[in-house]
C-alpha cells in the first residue's frame, strides 16, 4: 500500500528533552522528525507530537517545538497514544487513516501506539531512521514486532516521494529545492 498525502498524519511520539540524552541515535531521530515534520507542514499533512509524563521527562525537544510551532501537542499517561480518549477521538474525526509514526522509545511508547493504531484499523508506517530506544537492539525488536502486526517500515525519503507522486510539477520542484536536496547527502543509521 502506498502512502497518500490526503490520508496521512505524522505522529512524533515522545521525543522529549530529558529522555533524548540517553537514547541511541536520539540526535538523528530529532533531526529526521524535524525534517519530516517541516515537509509534512509544507504539504499540509497534520503533525502531532505526544509527550509522556512531561513533569518527569520534559516537554518535546525544543528543536521540534521551534521547527513545528503549528503541530498539535498531546500529553499522555498511557504508553500507547491511542489509549488516550481525546487523542483517539480527534484522530478518528480527522479522517486521516495513514499514520507515519516515529519517536522514542521504540519498544515502549512507539510500539504500543503502533499496535493500538493497527488494532483500530489504521495503516501504520514506521519511520525507521527516527524510531529509537536506549538500546538499538530493542528498537530493532520493536520494529520487527510492529511489522509482524501489519505496520510497514519506511524511510523519510519513501514518505516524501510517495506523497509527491510525480516530478514534473511546481510542487515537486519546490519541495525538492527546500527539502529533498539537503537531505540527500546526510548519512543515516537504520535499525
C-alpha atoms as a PDB file:
ATOM      1  CA  UNK A   1       0.000   0.000   0.000  1.00  0.00           C
ATOM      2  CA  UNK A   2       1.294   3.422  -0.938  1.00  0.00           C
ATOM      3  CA  UNK A   3       1.169   6.432   1.334  1.00  0.00           C
ATOM      4  CA  UNK A   4      -1.335   9.031   0.183  1.00  0.00           C
ATOM      5  CA  UNK A   5      -0.845  12.676   1.071  1.00  0.00           C
ATOM      6  CA  UNK A   6      -4.514  13.401   1.773  1.00  0.00           C
ATOM      7  CA  UNK A   7      -4.882  10.363   4.056  1.00  0.00           C
ATOM      8  CA  UNK A   8      -1.682  10.860   6.074  1.00  0.00           C
ATOM      9  CA  UNK A   9      -0.893  12.221   9.513  1.00  0.00           C
ATOM     10  CA  UNK A  10       2.573  12.350  11.113  1.00  0.00           C
ATOM     11  CA  UNK A  11       2.772  11.345  14.782  1.00  0.00           C
ATOM     12  CA  UNK A  12       6.019  12.107  16.629  1.00  0.00           C
ATOM     13  CA  UNK A  13       5.966  10.104  19.856  1.00  0.00           C
ATOM     14  CA  UNK A  14       7.727  11.318  22.998  1.00  0.00           C
ATOM     15  CA  UNK A  15      10.881  12.894  21.575  1.00  0.00           C
ATOM     16  CA  UNK A  16      11.335  14.667  24.886  1.00  0.00           C
ATOM     17  CA  UNK A  17      14.183  16.797  26.188  1.00  0.00           C
ATOM     18  CA  UNK A  18      15.060  14.782  29.305  1.00  0.00           C
ATOM     19  CA  UNK A  19      14.743  11.412  27.595  1.00  0.00           C
ATOM     20  CA  UNK A  20      16.792  12.046  24.455  1.00  0.00           C
ATOM     21  CA  UNK A  21      20.263  12.268  26.078  1.00  0.00           C
ATOM     22  CA  UNK A  22      20.125   8.543  26.933  1.00  0.00           C
ATOM     23  CA  UNK A  23      18.682   7.408  23.594  1.00  0.00           C
ATOM     24  CA  UNK A  24      20.878   5.695  20.992  1.00  0.00           C
ATOM     25  CA  UNK A  25      20.716   7.812  17.793  1.00  0.00           C
ATOM     26  CA  UNK A  26      18.483  10.364  19.565  1.00  0.00           C
ATOM     27  CA  UNK A  27      20.080  13.266  17.696  1.00  0.00           C
ATOM     28  CA  UNK A  28      19.387  11.633  14.349  1.00  0.00           C
ATOM     29  CA  UNK A  29      15.787  10.880  15.388  1.00  0.00           C
ATOM     30  CA  UNK A  30      15.142  14.527  16.233  1.00  0.00           C
ATOM     31  CA  UNK A  31      16.774  15.768  13.020  1.00  0.00           C
ATOM     32  CA  UNK A  32      14.719  13.357  10.911  1.00  0.00           C
ATOM     33  CA  UNK A  33      11.495  14.130  12.801  1.00  0.00           C
ATOM     34  CA  UNK A  34      12.089  17.864  12.303  1.00  0.00           C
ATOM     35  CA  UNK A  35      12.769  17.304   8.601  1.00  0.00           C
ATOM     36  CA  UNK A  36       9.670  15.171   8.044  1.00  0.00           C
ATOM     37  CA  UNK A  37       7.504  17.468  10.187  1.00  0.00           C
ATOM     38  CA  UNK A  38       8.561  20.508   8.174  1.00  0.00           C
ATOM     39  CA  UNK A  39       7.942  18.634   4.910  1.00  0.00           C
ATOM     40  CA  UNK A  40       4.527  17.472   6.131  1.00  0.00           C
ATOM     41  CA  UNK A  41       3.620  21.025   7.115  1.00  0.00           C
ATOM     42  CA  UNK A  42       4.641  22.315   3.683  1.00  0.00           C
ATOM     43  CA  UNK A  43       2.367  19.690   2.123  1.00  0.00           C
ATOM     44  CA  UNK A  44      -0.494  20.370   4.591  1.00  0.00           C
ATOM     45  CA  UNK A  45      -0.226  16.999   6.352  1.00  0.00           C
ATOM     46  CA  UNK A  46      -1.121  17.285  10.050  1.00  0.00           C
ATOM     47  CA  UNK A  47       1.724  16.784  12.536  1.00  0.00           C
ATOM     48  CA  UNK A  48       1.052  15.649  16.109  1.00  0.00           C
ATOM     49  CA  UNK A  49       3.516  15.482  18.999  1.00  0.00           C
ATOM     50  CA  UNK A  50       2.915  13.330  22.067  1.00  0.00           C
ATOM     51  CA  UNK A  51       4.566  13.815  25.444  1.00  0.00           C
ATOM     52  CA  UNK A  52       4.721  11.060  28.067  1.00  0.00           C
ATOM     53  CA  UNK A  53       4.704  12.372  31.644  1.00  0.00           C
ATOM     54  CA  UNK A  54       6.294  15.758  30.818  1.00  0.00           C
ATOM     55  CA  UNK A  55       6.730  16.599  34.516  1.00  0.00           C
ATOM     56  CA  UNK A  56       9.431  13.921  34.628  1.00  0.00           C
ATOM     57  CA  UNK A  57      10.636  13.620  31.029  1.00  0.00           C
ATOM     58  CA  UNK A  58      10.300  17.245  29.981  1.00  0.00           C
ATOM     59  CA  UNK A  59       8.395  18.555  27.010  1.00  0.00           C
ATOM     60  CA  UNK A  60       9.171  17.815  23.375  1.00  0.00           C
ATOM     61  CA  UNK A  61      12.703  18.643  22.302  1.00  0.00           C
ATOM     62  CA  UNK A  62      12.995  22.413  21.749  1.00  0.00           C
ATOM     63  CA  UNK A  63      14.140  21.851  18.150  1.00  0.00           C
ATOM     64  CA  UNK A  64      10.798  20.182  17.400  1.00  0.00           C
ATOM     65  CA  UNK A  65       8.805  22.917  19.098  1.00  0.00           C
ATOM     66  CA  UNK A  66      10.710  25.632  17.245  1.00  0.00           C
ATOM     67  CA  UNK A  67      10.517  23.963  13.821  1.00  0.00           C
ATOM     68  CA  UNK A  68       6.899  22.813  14.185  1.00  0.00           C
ATOM     69  CA  UNK A  69       5.011  25.546  16.078  1.00  0.00           C
ATOM     70  CA  UNK A  70       1.705  24.548  14.428  1.00  0.00           C
ATOM     71  CA  UNK A  71       1.982  20.875  15.486  1.00  0.00           C
ATOM     72  CA  UNK A  72      -0.782  19.652  17.753  1.00  0.00           C
ATOM     73  CA  UNK A  73       0.613  18.582  21.148  1.00  0.00           C
ATOM     74  CA  UNK A  74      -0.837  15.838  23.311  1.00  0.00           C
ATOM     75  CA  UNK A  75       0.150  14.917  26.849  1.00  0.00           C
ATOM     76  CA  UNK A  76      -0.387  11.298  27.770  1.00  0.00           C
ATOM     77  CA  UNK A  77      -0.083   8.860  30.643  1.00  0.00           C
ATOM     78  CA  UNK A  78      -0.765   5.695  28.678  1.00  0.00           C
ATOM     79  CA  UNK A  79       2.204   4.271  26.825  1.00  0.00           C
ATOM     80  CA  UNK A  80       0.026   3.770  23.743  1.00  0.00           C
ATOM     81  CA  UNK A  81      -1.167   7.160  22.462  1.00  0.00           C
ATOM     82  CA  UNK A  82      -4.433   5.747  21.137  1.00  0.00           C
ATOM     83  CA  UNK A  83      -5.371   4.721  24.688  1.00  0.00           C
ATOM     84  CA  UNK A  84      -5.860   8.433  25.423  1.00  0.00           C
ATOM     85  CA  UNK A  85      -9.530   9.003  24.580  1.00  0.00           C
ATOM     86  CA  UNK A  86      -9.244  12.671  23.449  1.00  0.00           C
ATOM     87  CA  UNK A  87      -6.403  11.802  21.052  1.00  0.00           C
ATOM     88  CA  UNK A  88      -8.234   8.743  19.707  1.00  0.00           C
ATOM     89  CA  UNK A  89     -11.412  10.774  19.160  1.00  0.00           C
ATOM     90  CA  UNK A  90      -9.554  13.610  17.426  1.00  0.00           C
ATOM     91  CA  UNK A  91      -7.723  11.155  15.177  1.00  0.00           C
ATOM     92  CA  UNK A  92     -10.974   9.463  14.174  1.00  0.00           C
ATOM     93  CA  UNK A  93     -12.553  12.861  13.498  1.00  0.00           C
ATOM     94  CA  UNK A  94      -9.583  13.916  11.336  1.00  0.00           C
ATOM     95  CA  UNK A  95     -10.425  11.265   8.728  1.00  0.00           C
ATOM     96  CA  UNK A  96      -6.711  10.512   8.345  1.00  0.00           C
ATOM     97  CA  UNK A  97      -6.199   6.717   8.133  1.00  0.00           C
ATOM     98  CA  UNK A  98      -2.467   6.503   7.357  1.00  0.00           C
ATOM     99  CA  UNK A  99      -0.184   7.315  10.276  1.00  0.00           C
ATOM    100  CA  UNK A 100       3.527   7.943   9.746  1.00  0.00           C
ATOM    101  CA  UNK A 101       4.925   7.092  13.164  1.00  0.00           C
ATOM    102  CA  UNK A 102       8.260   7.646  14.869  1.00  0.00           C
ATOM    103  CA  UNK A 103       9.754   8.562  18.213  1.00  0.00           C
ATOM    104  CA  UNK A 104      11.060   7.130  21.468  1.00  0.00           C
ATOM    105  CA  UNK A 105      11.236   4.709  22.967  1.00  0.00           C
ATOM    106  CA  UNK A 106      10.619   2.361  20.080  1.00  0.00           C
ATOM    107  CA  UNK A 107       9.986  -0.700  22.230  1.00  0.00           C
ATOM    108  CA  UNK A 108       7.600   1.036  24.646  1.00  0.00           C
ATOM    109  CA  UNK A 109       5.514   4.030  23.587  1.00  0.00           C
ATOM    110  CA  UNK A 110       6.049   3.861  19.832  1.00  0.00           C
ATOM    111  CA  UNK A 111       5.354   0.124  19.694  1.00  0.00           C
ATOM    112  CA  UNK A 112       2.264   0.325  21.899  1.00  0.00           C
ATOM    113  CA  UNK A 113       0.997   3.241  19.822  1.00  0.00           C
ATOM    114  CA  UNK A 114       1.608   1.276  16.609  1.00  0.00           C
ATOM    115  CA  UNK A 115      -0.179  -1.790  17.969  1.00  0.00           C
ATOM    116  CA  UNK A 116      -3.136   0.301  19.124  1.00  0.00           C
ATOM    117  CA  UNK A 117      -3.377   2.040  15.763  1.00  0.00           C
ATOM    118  CA  UNK A 118      -3.289  -1.283  13.919  1.00  0.00           C
ATOM    119  CA  UNK A 119      -5.954  -2.743  16.230  1.00  0.00           C
ATOM    120  CA  UNK A 120      -8.141   0.279  15.421  1.00  0.00           C
ATOM    121  CA  UNK A 121      -7.716  -0.275  11.674  1.00  0.00           C
ATOM    122  CA  UNK A 122      -5.187   2.443  10.828  1.00  0.00           C
ATOM    123  CA  UNK A 123      -2.356   1.908   8.356  1.00  0.00           C
ATOM    124  CA  UNK A 124       0.921   2.464  10.223  1.00  0.00           C
ATOM    125  CA  UNK A 125       4.165   3.493   8.541  1.00  0.00           C
ATOM    126  CA  UNK A 126       7.094   3.007  10.951  1.00  0.00           C
ATOM    127  CA  UNK A 127       9.704   5.688  10.194  1.00  0.00           C
ATOM    128  CA  UNK A 128      12.811   3.625  10.767  1.00  0.00           C
ATOM    129  CA  UNK A 129      15.546   6.252  10.991  1.00  0.00           C
ATOM    130  CA  UNK A 130      13.611   8.292  13.570  1.00  0.00           C
ATOM    131  CA  UNK A 131      12.310   5.492  15.824  1.00  0.00           C
ATOM    132  CA  UNK A 132      14.801   4.847  18.597  1.00  0.00           C
ATOM    133  CA  UNK A 133      15.390   3.363  22.058  1.00  0.00           C
ATOM    134  CA  UNK A 134      18.109   3.450  24.680  1.00  0.00           C
ATOM    135  CA  UNK A 135      19.442   0.242  23.173  1.00  0.00           C
ATOM    136  CA  UNK A 136      19.482  -0.240  19.398  1.00  0.00           C
ATOM    137  CA  UNK A 137      18.577  -3.927  19.750  1.00  0.00           C
ATOM    138  CA  UNK A 138      15.302  -3.034  21.437  1.00  0.00           C
ATOM    139  CA  UNK A 139      14.484  -0.617  18.610  1.00  0.00           C
ATOM    140  CA  UNK A 140      15.125  -3.400  16.072  1.00  0.00           C
ATOM    141  CA  UNK A 141      12.955  -5.829  18.014  1.00  0.00           C
ATOM    142  CA  UNK A 142      10.153  -3.252  18.287  1.00  0.00           C
ATOM    143  CA  UNK A 143      10.274  -2.629  14.537  1.00  0.00           C
ATOM    144  CA  UNK A 144      10.099  -6.359  13.886  1.00  0.00           C
ATOM    145  CA  UNK A 145       7.088  -6.765  16.155  1.00  0.00           C
ATOM    146  CA  UNK A 146       5.311  -3.746  14.646  1.00  0.00           C
ATOM    147  CA  UNK A 147       5.882  -5.111  11.139  1.00  0.00           C
ATOM    148  CA  UNK A 148       4.552  -8.514  12.197  1.00  0.00           C
ATOM    149  CA  UNK A 149       1.431  -6.698  13.412  1.00  0.00           C
ATOM    150  CA  UNK A 150       0.979  -5.076   9.989  1.00  0.00           C
ATOM    151  CA  UNK A 151       2.980  -1.846  10.195  1.00  0.00           C
ATOM    152  CA  UNK A 152       5.179  -1.011   7.219  1.00  0.00           C
ATOM    153  CA  UNK A 153       8.791   0.067   7.804  1.00  0.00           C
ATOM    154  CA  UNK A 154       9.676   3.137   5.731  1.00  0.00           C
ATOM    155  CA  UNK A 155      12.300   5.834   5.364  1.00  0.00           C
ATOM    156  CA  UNK A 156      11.584   9.556   5.206  1.00  0.00           C
ATOM    157  CA  UNK A 157      12.563   9.544   1.518  1.00  0.00           C
ATOM    158  CA  UNK A 158       9.925   6.888   0.825  1.00  0.00           C
ATOM    159  CA  UNK A 159       7.311   9.020   2.571  1.00  0.00           C
ATOM    160  CA  UNK A 160       8.266  12.183   0.692  1.00  0.00           C
ATOM    161  CA  UNK A 161       8.330  10.658  -2.774  1.00  0.00           C
ATOM    162  CA  UNK A 162       5.087   8.707  -2.280  1.00  0.00           C
ATOM    163  CA  UNK A 163       3.341  11.848  -1.072  1.00  0.00           C
ATOM    164  CA  UNK A 164       4.638  13.792  -4.087  1.00  0.00           C
ATOM    165  CA  UNK A 165       3.862  11.083  -6.717  1.00  0.00           C
ATOM    166  CA  UNK A 166       5.486  12.920  -9.625  1.00  0.00           C
ATOM    167  CA  UNK A 167       8.471  15.067 -10.577  1.00  0.00           C
ATOM    168  CA  UNK A 168       7.080  17.257 -13.340  1.00  0.00           C
ATOM    169  CA  UNK A 169       5.117  19.845 -11.410  1.00  0.00           C
ATOM    170  CA  UNK A 170       5.862  23.018  -9.464  1.00  0.00           C
ATOM    171  CA  UNK A 171       5.127  21.402  -6.093  1.00  0.00           C
ATOM    172  CA  UNK A 172       7.824  18.764  -6.599  1.00  0.00           C
ATOM    173  CA  UNK A 173      10.361  21.352  -7.747  1.00  0.00           C
ATOM    174  CA  UNK A 174       9.686  23.479  -4.659  1.00  0.00           C
ATOM    175  CA  UNK A 175       9.875  20.507  -2.257  1.00  0.00           C
ATOM    176  CA  UNK A 176      13.000  19.193  -3.953  1.00  0.00           C
ATOM    177  CA  UNK A 177      14.707  22.565  -3.590  1.00  0.00           C
ATOM    178  CA  UNK A 178      13.597  23.139   0.023  1.00  0.00           C
ATOM    179  CA  UNK A 179      13.803  19.611   1.464  1.00  0.00           C
ATOM    180  CA  UNK A 180      14.994  16.715  -0.674  1.00  0.00           C
ATOM    181  CA  UNK A 181      18.279  18.111  -1.980  1.00  0.00           C
ATOM    182  CA  UNK A 182      19.579  18.983   1.519  1.00  0.00           C
ATOM    183  CA  UNK A 183      18.799  15.520   2.878  1.00  0.00           C
ATOM    184  CA  UNK A 184      20.349  13.507   0.061  1.00  0.00           C
ATOM    185  CA  UNK A 185      23.925  13.672   1.345  1.00  0.00           C
ATOM    186  CA  UNK A 186      23.155  13.087   5.040  1.00  0.00           C
ATOM    187  CA  UNK A 187      24.392   9.774   6.461  1.00  0.00           C
ATOM    188  CA  UNK A 188      21.733   7.835   8.377  1.00  0.00           C
ATOM    189  CA  UNK A 189      21.613   4.835  10.703  1.00  0.00           C
ATOM    190  CA  UNK A 190      18.736   2.427  10.294  1.00  0.00           C
ATOM    191  CA  UNK A 191      17.689  -0.083  12.953  1.00  0.00           C
END
